[in-house]
Amino acid sequence: MIVDHLARALVTATATLVEFVGSARDAERAALNTLEEIAYVLDQMNADERQEFRDVLERIAAAEPERADFIRSLPGSLGLDGES
């Protein structure tokens, strides 16, 4: 499904940005702004879309055990725990 590919790309981008925040002080503000923008866009999802997003992330986490904890934490990290 295309949604799986998009979610995987989001996981990869978010993981990279999180690494920038922790290691590259010059890039910290840009990384934080990008993470905030990602969160804002995803916050526009309705409750059904948020559940679908969590389901997709769960499939990705199952396929990528080395990053599973990070992947499963994304909705909470991006402020998507509440229902829209």
PDB file of N, CA and C in Angstrom:
ATOM      1  N   MET A   1       0.837  -1.194   0.000  1.00  0.00           N
ATOM      2  CA  MET A   1       0.000   0.000   0.000  1.00  0.00           C
ATOM      3  C   MET A   1       0.876   1.250   0.000  1.00  0.00           C
ATOM      4  N   ILE A   2       0.402   2.256  -0.684  1.00  0.00           N
ATOM      5  CA  ILE A   2       1.145   3.507  -0.745  1.00  0.00           C
ATOM      6  C   ILE A   2       1.291   4.121   0.646  1.00  0.00           C
ATOM      7  N   VAL A   3       0.285   3.924   1.495  1.00  0.00           N
ATOM      8  CA  VAL A   3       0.336   4.482   2.843  1.00  0.00           C
ATOM      9  C   VAL A   3       1.536   3.914   3.598  1.00  0.00           C
ATOM     10  N   ASP A   4       1.813   2.634   3.403  1.00  0.00           N
ATOM     11  CA  ASP A   4       2.962   2.017   4.070  1.00  0.00           C
ATOM     12  C   ASP A   4       4.261   2.701   3.648  1.00  0.00           C
ATOM     13  N   HIS A   5       4.379   2.981   2.364  1.00  0.00           N
ATOM     14  CA  HIS A   5       5.589   3.638   1.865  1.00  0.00           C
ATOM     15  C   HIS A   5       5.716   5.052   2.435  1.00  0.00           C
ATOM     16  N   LEU A   6       4.621   5.747   2.474  1.00  0.00           N
ATOM     17  CA  LEU A   6       4.652   7.103   3.013  1.00  0.00           C
ATOM     18  C   LEU A   6       4.985   7.101   4.496  1.00  0.00           C
ATOM     19  N   ALA A   7       4.397   6.189   5.232  1.00  0.00           N
ATOM     20  CA  ALA A   7       4.677   6.111   6.660  1.00  0.00           C
ATOM     21  C   ALA A   7       6.141   5.728   6.902  1.00  0.00           C
ATOM     22  N   ARG A   8       6.657   4.824   6.099  1.00  0.00           N
ATOM     23  CA  ARG A   8       8.059   4.431   6.236  1.00  0.00           C
ATOM     24  C   ARG A   8       8.975   5.631   5.961  1.00  0.00           C
ATOM     25  N   ALA A   9       8.649   6.407   4.958  1.00  0.00           N
ATOM     26  CA  ALA A   9       9.438   7.600   4.663  1.00  0.00           C
ATOM     27  C   ALA A   9       9.388   8.576   5.832  1.00  0.00           C
ATOM     28  N   LEU A  10       8.226   8.720   6.432  1.00  0.00           N
ATOM     29  CA  LEU A  10       8.077   9.589   7.588  1.00  0.00           C
ATOM     30  C   LEU A  10       8.931   9.095   8.746  1.00  0.00           C
ATOM     31  N   VAL A  11       8.926   7.797   8.981  1.00  0.00           N
ATOM     32  CA  VAL A  11       9.748   7.220  10.049  1.00  0.00           C
ATOM     33  C   VAL A  11      11.217   7.531   9.806  1.00  0.00           C
ATOM     34  N   THR A  12      11.664   7.329   8.593  1.00  0.00           N
ATOM     35  CA  THR A  12      13.064   7.575   8.262  1.00  0.00           C
ATOM     36  C   THR A  12      13.419   9.056   8.441  1.00  0.00           C
ATOM     37  N   ALA A  13      12.570   9.931   7.932  1.00  0.00           N
ATOM     38  CA  ALA A  13      12.828  11.368   8.055  1.00  0.00           C
ATOM     39  C   ALA A  13      12.830  11.798   9.512  1.00  0.00           C
ATOM     40  N   THR A  14      11.874  11.315  10.280  1.00  0.00           N
ATOM     41  CA  THR A  14      11.779  11.694  11.679  1.00  0.00           C
ATOM     42  C   THR A  14      12.989  11.190  12.457  1.00  0.00           C
ATOM     43  N   ALA A  15      13.396   9.961  12.212  1.00  0.00           N
ATOM     44  CA  ALA A  15      14.567   9.413  12.902  1.00  0.00           C
ATOM     45  C   ALA A  15      15.811  10.243  12.594  1.00  0.00           C
ATOM     46  N   THR A  16      15.958  10.635  11.344  1.00  0.00           N
ATOM     47  CA  THR A  16      17.109  11.455  10.964  1.00  0.00           C
ATOM     48  C   THR A  16      17.067  12.805  11.657  1.00  0.00           C
ATOM     49  N   LEU A  17      15.903  13.426  11.676  1.00  0.00           N
ATOM     50  CA  LEU A  17      15.777  14.728  12.333  1.00  0.00           C
ATOM     51  C   LEU A  17      16.048  14.622  13.829  1.00  0.00           C
ATOM     52  N   VAL A  18      15.585  13.565  14.456  1.00  0.00           N
ATOM     53  CA  VAL A  18      15.847  13.376  15.885  1.00  0.00           C
ATOM     54  C   VAL A  18      17.352  13.254  16.121  1.00  0.00           C
ATOM     55  N   GLU A  19      18.044  12.561  15.248  1.00  0.00           N
ATOM     56  CA  GLU A  19      19.502  12.456  15.366  1.00  0.00           C
ATOM     57  C   GLU A  19      20.159  13.825  15.226  1.00  0.00           C
ATOM     58  N   PHE A  20      19.693  14.655  14.290  1.00  0.00           N
ATOM     59  CA  PHE A  20      20.234  15.998  14.140  1.00  0.00           C
ATOM     60  C   PHE A  20      20.065  16.808  15.412  1.00  0.00           C
ATOM     61  N   VAL A  21      18.898  16.727  16.020  1.00  0.00           N
ATOM     62  CA  VAL A  21      18.630  17.483  17.243  1.00  0.00           C
ATOM     63  C   VAL A  21      19.640  17.101  18.319  1.00  0.00           C
ATOM     64  N   GLY A  22      19.973  15.817  18.406  1.00  0.00           N
ATOM     65  CA  GLY A  22      20.892  15.354  19.440  1.00  0.00           C
ATOM     66  C   GLY A  22      22.360  15.603  19.151  1.00  0.00           C
ATOM     67  N   SER A  23      22.713  15.810  17.878  1.00  0.00           N
ATOM     68  CA  SER A  23      24.137  15.855  17.573  1.00  0.00           C
ATOM     69  C   SER A  23      24.626  17.114  16.856  1.00  0.00           C
ATOM     70  N   ALA A  24      23.813  17.775  16.114  1.00  0.00           N
ATOM     71  CA  ALA A  24      24.269  18.907  15.308  1.00  0.00           C
ATOM     72  C   ALA A  24      23.628  20.194  15.804  1.00  0.00           C
ATOM     73  N   ARG A  25      24.324  20.885  16.667  1.00  0.00           N
ATOM     74  CA  ARG A  25      23.755  22.094  17.259  1.00  0.00           C
ATOM     75  C   ARG A  25      23.330  23.126  16.216  1.00  0.00           C
ATOM     76  N   ASP A  26      24.073  23.274  15.151  1.00  0.00           N
ATOM     77  CA  ASP A  26      23.719  24.255  14.119  1.00  0.00           C
ATOM     78  C   ASP A  26      22.418  23.898  13.422  1.00  0.00           C
ATOM     79  N   ALA A  27      22.123  22.633  13.353  1.00  0.00           N
ATOM     80  CA  ALA A  27      20.925  22.180  12.660  1.00  0.00           C
ATOM     81  C   ALA A  27      19.744  21.982  13.610  1.00  0.00           C
ATOM     82  N   GLU A  28      19.960  22.212  14.883  1.00  0.00           N
ATOM     83  CA  GLU A  28      18.918  21.916  15.872  1.00  0.00           C
ATOM     84  C   GLU A  28      17.617  22.664  15.596  1.00  0.00           C
ATOM     85  N   ARG A  29      17.684  23.950  15.350  1.00  0.00           N
ATOM     86  CA  ARG A  29      16.458  24.734  15.128  1.00  0.00           C
ATOM     87  C   ARG A  29      15.725  24.256  13.874  1.00  0.00           C
ATOM     88  N   ALA A  30      16.467  23.983  12.805  1.00  0.00           N
ATOM     89  CA  ALA A  30      15.842  23.499  11.573  1.00  0.00           C
ATOM     90  C   ALA A  30      15.188  22.144  11.801  1.00  0.00           C
ATOM     91  N   ALA A  31      15.849  21.283  12.530  1.00  0.00           N
ATOM     92  CA  ALA A  31      15.291  19.962  12.803  1.00  0.00           C
ATOM     93  C   ALA A  31      14.027  20.076  13.649  1.00  0.00           C
ATOM     94  N   LEU A  32      14.066  20.913  14.679  1.00  0.00           N
ATOM     95  CA  LEU A  32      12.882  21.095  15.525  1.00  0.00           C
ATOM     96  C   LEU A  32      11.722  21.680  14.728  1.00  0.00           C
ATOM     97  N   ASN A  33      12.000  22.650  13.872  1.00  0.00           N
ATOM     98  CA  ASN A  33      10.940  23.230  13.034  1.00  0.00           C
ATOM     99  C   ASN A  33      10.331  22.177  12.124  1.00  0.00           C
ATOM    100  N   THR A  34      11.169  21.311  11.565  1.00  0.00           N
ATOM    101  CA  THR A  34      10.676  20.259  10.677  1.00  0.00           C
ATOM    102  C   THR A  34       9.813  19.269  11.440  1.00  0.00           C
ATOM    103  N   LEU A  35      10.261  18.864  12.618  1.00  0.00           N
ATOM    104  CA  LEU A  35       9.457  17.949  13.440  1.00  0.00           C
ATOM    105  C   LEU A  35       8.120  18.576  13.810  1.00  0.00           C
ATOM    106  N   GLU A  36       8.130  19.856  14.143  1.00  0.00           N
ATOM    107  CA  GLU A  36       6.878  20.540  14.472  1.00  0.00           C
ATOM    108  C   GLU A  36       5.948  20.601  13.266  1.00  0.00           C
ATOM    109  N   GLU A  37       6.497  20.818  12.089  1.00  0.00           N
ATOM    110  CA  GLU A  37       5.677  20.865  10.877  1.00  0.00           C
ATOM    111  C   GLU A  37       5.076  19.499  10.564  1.00  0.00           C
ATOM    112  N   ILE A  38       5.874  18.446  10.717  1.00  0.00           N
ATOM    113  CA  ILE A  38       5.368  17.086  10.509  1.00  0.00           C
ATOM    114  C   ILE A  38       4.218  16.824  11.475  1.00  0.00           C
ATOM    115  N   ALA A  39       4.409  17.187  12.741  1.00  0.00           N
ATOM    116  CA  ALA A  39       3.367  16.976  13.741  1.00  0.00           C
ATOM    117  C   ALA A  39       2.107  17.762  13.392  1.00  0.00           C
ATOM    118  N   TYR A  40       2.268  18.999  12.936  1.00  0.00           N
ATOM    119  CA  TYR A  40       1.119  19.825  12.577  1.00  0.00           C
ATOM    120  C   TYR A  40       0.324  19.193  11.436  1.00  0.00           C
ATOM    121  N   VAL A  41       1.031  18.742  10.410  1.00  0.00           N
ATOM    122  CA  VAL A  41       0.353  18.144   9.262  1.00  0.00           C
ATOM    123  C   VAL A  41      -0.379  16.872   9.679  1.00  0.00           C
ATOM    124  N   LEU A  42       0.286  16.031  10.450  1.00  0.00           N
ATOM    125  CA  LEU A  42      -0.346  14.780  10.875  1.00  0.00           C
ATOM    126  C   LEU A  42      -1.494  15.024  11.848  1.00  0.00           C
ATOM    127  N   ASP A  43      -1.451  16.123  12.566  1.00  0.00           N
ATOM    128  CA  ASP A  43      -2.532  16.451  13.502  1.00  0.00           C
ATOM    129  C   ASP A  43      -3.840  16.739  12.771  1.00  0.00           C
ATOM    130  N   GLN A  44      -3.782  16.944  11.473  1.00  0.00           N
ATOM    131  CA  GLN A  44      -4.980  17.196  10.680  1.00  0.00           C
ATOM    132  C   GLN A  44      -5.777  15.923  10.398  1.00  0.00           C
ATOM    133  N   MET A  45      -5.198  14.757  10.719  1.00  0.00           N
ATOM    134  CA  MET A  45      -5.887  13.487  10.473  1.00  0.00           C
ATOM    135  C   MET A  45      -7.085  13.348  11.401  1.00  0.00           C
ATOM    136  N   ASN A  46      -8.143  12.720  10.896  1.00  0.00           N
ATOM    137  CA  ASN A  46      -9.283  12.425  11.752  1.00  0.00           C
ATOM    138  C   ASN A  46      -8.991  11.148  12.558  1.00  0.00           C
ATOM    139  N   ALA A  47      -9.906  10.751  13.414  1.00  0.00           N
ATOM    140  CA  ALA A  47      -9.683   9.598  14.293  1.00  0.00           C
ATOM    141  C   ALA A  47      -9.427   8.315  13.508  1.00  0.00           C
ATOM    142  N   ASP A  48     -10.174   8.087  12.444  1.00  0.00           N
ATOM    143  CA  ASP A  48      -9.964   6.879  11.632  1.00  0.00           C
ATOM    144  C   ASP A  48      -8.591   6.891  10.966  1.00  0.00           C
ATOM    145  N   GLU A  49      -8.187   8.040  10.466  1.00  0.00           N
ATOM    146  CA  GLU A  49      -6.871   8.154   9.830  1.00  0.00           C
ATOM    147  C   GLU A  49      -5.749   7.960  10.847  1.00  0.00           C
ATOM    148  N   ARG A  50      -5.944   8.487  12.051  1.00  0.00           N
ATOM    149  CA  ARG A  50      -4.932   8.285  13.107  1.00  0.00           C
ATOM    150  C   ARG A  50      -4.802   6.806  13.444  1.00  0.00           C
ATOM    151  N   GLN A  51      -5.918   6.108  13.501  1.00  0.00           N
ATOM    152  CA  GLN A  51      -5.855   4.673  13.789  1.00  0.00           C
ATOM    153  C   GLN A  51      -5.159   3.938  12.647  1.00  0.00           C
ATOM    154  N   GLU A  52      -5.471   4.310  11.416  1.00  0.00           N
ATOM    155  CA  GLU A  52      -4.803   3.692  10.274  1.00  0.00           C
ATOM    156  C   GLU A  52      -3.298   3.956  10.328  1.00  0.00           C
ATOM    157  N   PHE A  53      -2.915   5.171  10.696  1.00  0.00           N
ATOM    158  CA  PHE A  53      -1.505   5.524  10.830  1.00  0.00           C
ATOM    159  C   PHE A  53      -0.836   4.652  11.899  1.00  0.00           C
ATOM    160  N   ARG A  54      -1.489   4.500  13.051  1.00  0.00           N
ATOM    161  CA  ARG A  54      -0.932   3.638  14.107  1.00  0.00           C
ATOM    162  C   ARG A  54      -0.808   2.199  13.625  1.00  0.00           C
ATOM    163  N   ASP A  55      -1.795   1.715  12.874  1.00  0.00           N
ATOM    164  CA  ASP A  55      -1.748   0.344  12.336  1.00  0.00           C
ATOM    165  C   ASP A  55      -0.571   0.173  11.373  1.00  0.00           C
ATOM    166  N   VAL A  56      -0.369   1.157  10.507  1.00  0.00           N
ATOM    167  CA  VAL A  56       0.748   1.100   9.570  1.00  0.00           C
ATOM    168  C   VAL A  56       2.070   1.103  10.327  1.00  0.00           C
ATOM    169  N   LEU A  57       2.181   1.975  11.315  1.00  0.00           N
ATOM    170  CA  LEU A  57       3.412   2.020  12.107  1.00  0.00           C
ATOM    171  C   LEU A  57       3.661   0.697  12.818  1.00  0.00           C
ATOM    172  N   GLU A  58       2.609   0.053  13.278  1.00  0.00           N
ATOM    173  CA  GLU A  58       2.767  -1.245  13.939  1.00  0.00           C
ATOM    174  C   GLU A  58       3.318  -2.286  12.962  1.00  0.00           C
ATOM    175  N   ARG A  59       2.830  -2.275  11.725  1.00  0.00           N
ATOM    176  CA  ARG A  59       3.360  -3.205  10.716  1.00  0.00           C
ATOM    177  C   ARG A  59       4.832  -2.924  10.435  1.00  0.00           C
ATOM    178  N   ILE A  60       5.178  -1.648  10.351  1.00  0.00           N
ATOM    179  CA  ILE A  60       6.575  -1.288  10.109  1.00  0.00           C
ATOM    180  C   ILE A  60       7.435  -1.701  11.301  1.00  0.00           C
ATOM    181  N   ALA A  61       6.938  -1.462  12.512  1.00  0.00           N
ATOM    182  CA  ALA A  61       7.689  -1.842  13.706  1.00  0.00           C
ATOM    183  C   ALA A  61       7.944  -3.346  13.746  1.00  0.00           C
ATOM    184  N   ALA A  62       6.956  -4.120  13.357  1.00  0.00           N
ATOM    185  CA  ALA A  62       7.120  -5.578  13.335  1.00  0.00           C
ATOM    186  C   ALA A  62       8.180  -5.997  12.319  1.00  0.00           C
ATOM    187  N   ALA A  63       8.291  -5.248  11.234  1.00  0.00           N
ATOM    188  CA  ALA A  63       9.263  -5.574  10.192  1.00  0.00           C
ATOM    189  C   ALA A  63      10.656  -5.016  10.485  1.00  0.00           C
ATOM    190  N   GLU A  64      10.738  -4.069  11.412  1.00  0.00           N
ATOM    191  CA  GLU A  64      12.018  -3.424  11.738  1.00  0.00           C
ATOM    192  C   GLU A  64      12.248  -3.463  13.247  1.00  0.00           C
ATOM    193  N   PRO A  65      12.543  -4.639  13.789  1.00  0.00           N
ATOM    194  CA  PRO A  65      12.663  -4.771  15.246  1.00  0.00           C
ATOM    195  C   PRO A  65      13.742  -3.882  15.863  1.00  0.00           C
ATOM    196  N   GLU A  66      14.764  -3.545  15.088  1.00  0.00           N
ATOM    197  CA  GLU A  66      15.827  -2.701  15.642  1.00  0.00           C
ATOM    198  C   GLU A  66      15.359  -1.271  15.914  1.00  0.00           C
ATOM    199  N   ARG A  67      14.292  -0.856  15.254  1.00  0.00           N
ATOM    200  CA  ARG A  67      13.723   0.485  15.478  1.00  0.00           C
ATOM    201  C   ARG A  67      12.293   0.430  15.990  1.00  0.00           C
ATOM    202  N   ALA A  68      11.840  -0.728  16.410  1.00  0.00           N
ATOM    203  CA  ALA A  68      10.433  -0.912  16.775  1.00  0.00           C
ATOM    204  C   ALA A  68       9.984   0.032  17.882  1.00  0.00           C
ATOM    205  N   ASP A  69      10.781   0.188  18.927  1.00  0.00           N
ATOM    206  CA  ASP A  69      10.378   1.073  20.028  1.00  0.00           C
ATOM    207  C   ASP A  69      10.228   2.512  19.554  1.00  0.00           C
ATOM    208  N   PHE A  70      11.182   2.955  18.753  1.00  0.00           N
ATOM    209  CA  PHE A  70      11.113   4.314  18.213  1.00  0.00           C
ATOM    210  C   PHE A  70       9.868   4.481  17.350  1.00  0.00           C
ATOM    211  N   ILE A  71       9.625   3.527  16.480  1.00  0.00           N
ATOM    212  CA  ILE A  71       8.482   3.595  15.565  1.00  0.00           C
ATOM    213  C   ILE A  71       7.173   3.634  16.346  1.00  0.00           C
ATOM    214  N   ARG A  72       7.064   2.782  17.339  1.00  0.00           N
ATOM    215  CA  ARG A  72       5.824   2.743  18.142  1.00  0.00           C
ATOM    216  C   ARG A  72       5.635   4.016  18.960  1.00  0.00           C
ATOM    217  N   SER A  73       6.713   4.723  19.259  1.00  0.00           N
ATOM    218  CA  SER A  73       6.609   5.947  20.060  1.00  0.00           C
ATOM    219  C   SER A  73       6.254   7.180  19.229  1.00  0.00           C
ATOM    220  N   LEU A  74       6.290   7.070  17.911  1.00  0.00           N
ATOM    221  CA  LEU A  74       6.065   8.244  17.065  1.00  0.00           C
ATOM    222  C   LEU A  74       4.739   8.960  17.303  1.00  0.00           C
ATOM    223  N   PRO A  75       3.602   8.270  17.351  1.00  0.00           N
ATOM    224  CA  PRO A  75       2.365   9.033  17.569  1.00  0.00           C
ATOM    225  C   PRO A  75       2.399   9.895  18.833  1.00  0.00           C
ATOM    226  N   GLY A  76       2.887   9.345  19.927  1.00  0.00           N
ATOM    227  CA  GLY A  76       2.984  10.120  21.158  1.00  0.00           C
ATOM    228  C   GLY A  76       3.994  11.248  21.052  1.00  0.00           C
ATOM    229  N   SER A  77       5.137  10.965  20.429  1.00  0.00           N
ATOM    230  CA  SER A  77       6.182  11.979  20.269  1.00  0.00           C
ATOM    231  C   SER A  77       5.702  13.139  19.420  1.00  0.00           C
ATOM    232  N   LEU A  78       4.810  12.872  18.489  1.00  0.00           N
ATOM    233  CA  LEU A  78       4.298  13.911  17.599  1.00  0.00           C
ATOM    234  C   LEU A  78       2.985  14.510  18.098  1.00  0.00           C
ATOM    235  N   GLY A  79       2.575  14.131  19.306  1.00  0.00           N
ATOM    236  CA  GLY A  79       1.359  14.709  19.892  1.00  0.00           C
ATOM    237  C   GLY A  79       0.077  14.173  19.308  1.00  0.00           C
ATOM    238  N   LEU A  80       0.089  12.957  18.799  1.00  0.00           N
ATOM    239  CA  LEU A  80      -1.092  12.396  18.137  1.00  0.00           C
ATOM    240  C   LEU A  80      -1.829  11.379  19.000  1.00  0.00           C
ATOM    241  N   ASP A  81      -1.572  11.372  20.292  1.00  0.00           N
ATOM    242  CA  ASP A  81      -2.230  10.402  21.173  1.00  0.00           C
ATOM    243  C   ASP A  81      -3.714  10.674  21.334  1.00  0.00           C
ATOM    244  N   GLY A  82      -4.097  11.945  21.351  1.00  0.00           N
ATOM    245  CA  GLY A  82      -5.511  12.283  21.490  1.00  0.00           C
ATOM    246  C   GLY A  82      -6.264  12.054  20.204  1.00  0.00           C
ATOM    247  N   GLU A  83      -7.543  11.887  20.316  1.00  0.00           N
ATOM    248  CA  GLU A  83      -8.373  11.692  19.115  1.00  0.00           C
ATOM    249  C   GLU A  83      -8.738  13.045  18.523  1.00  0.00           C
ATOM    250  N   SER A  84      -8.848  13.080  17.219  1.00  0.00           N
ATOM    251  CA  SER A  84      -9.222  14.307  16.528  1.00  0.00           C
ATOM    252  C   SER A  84     -10.692  14.300  16.200  1.00  0.00           C
TER     253      SER A  84
END
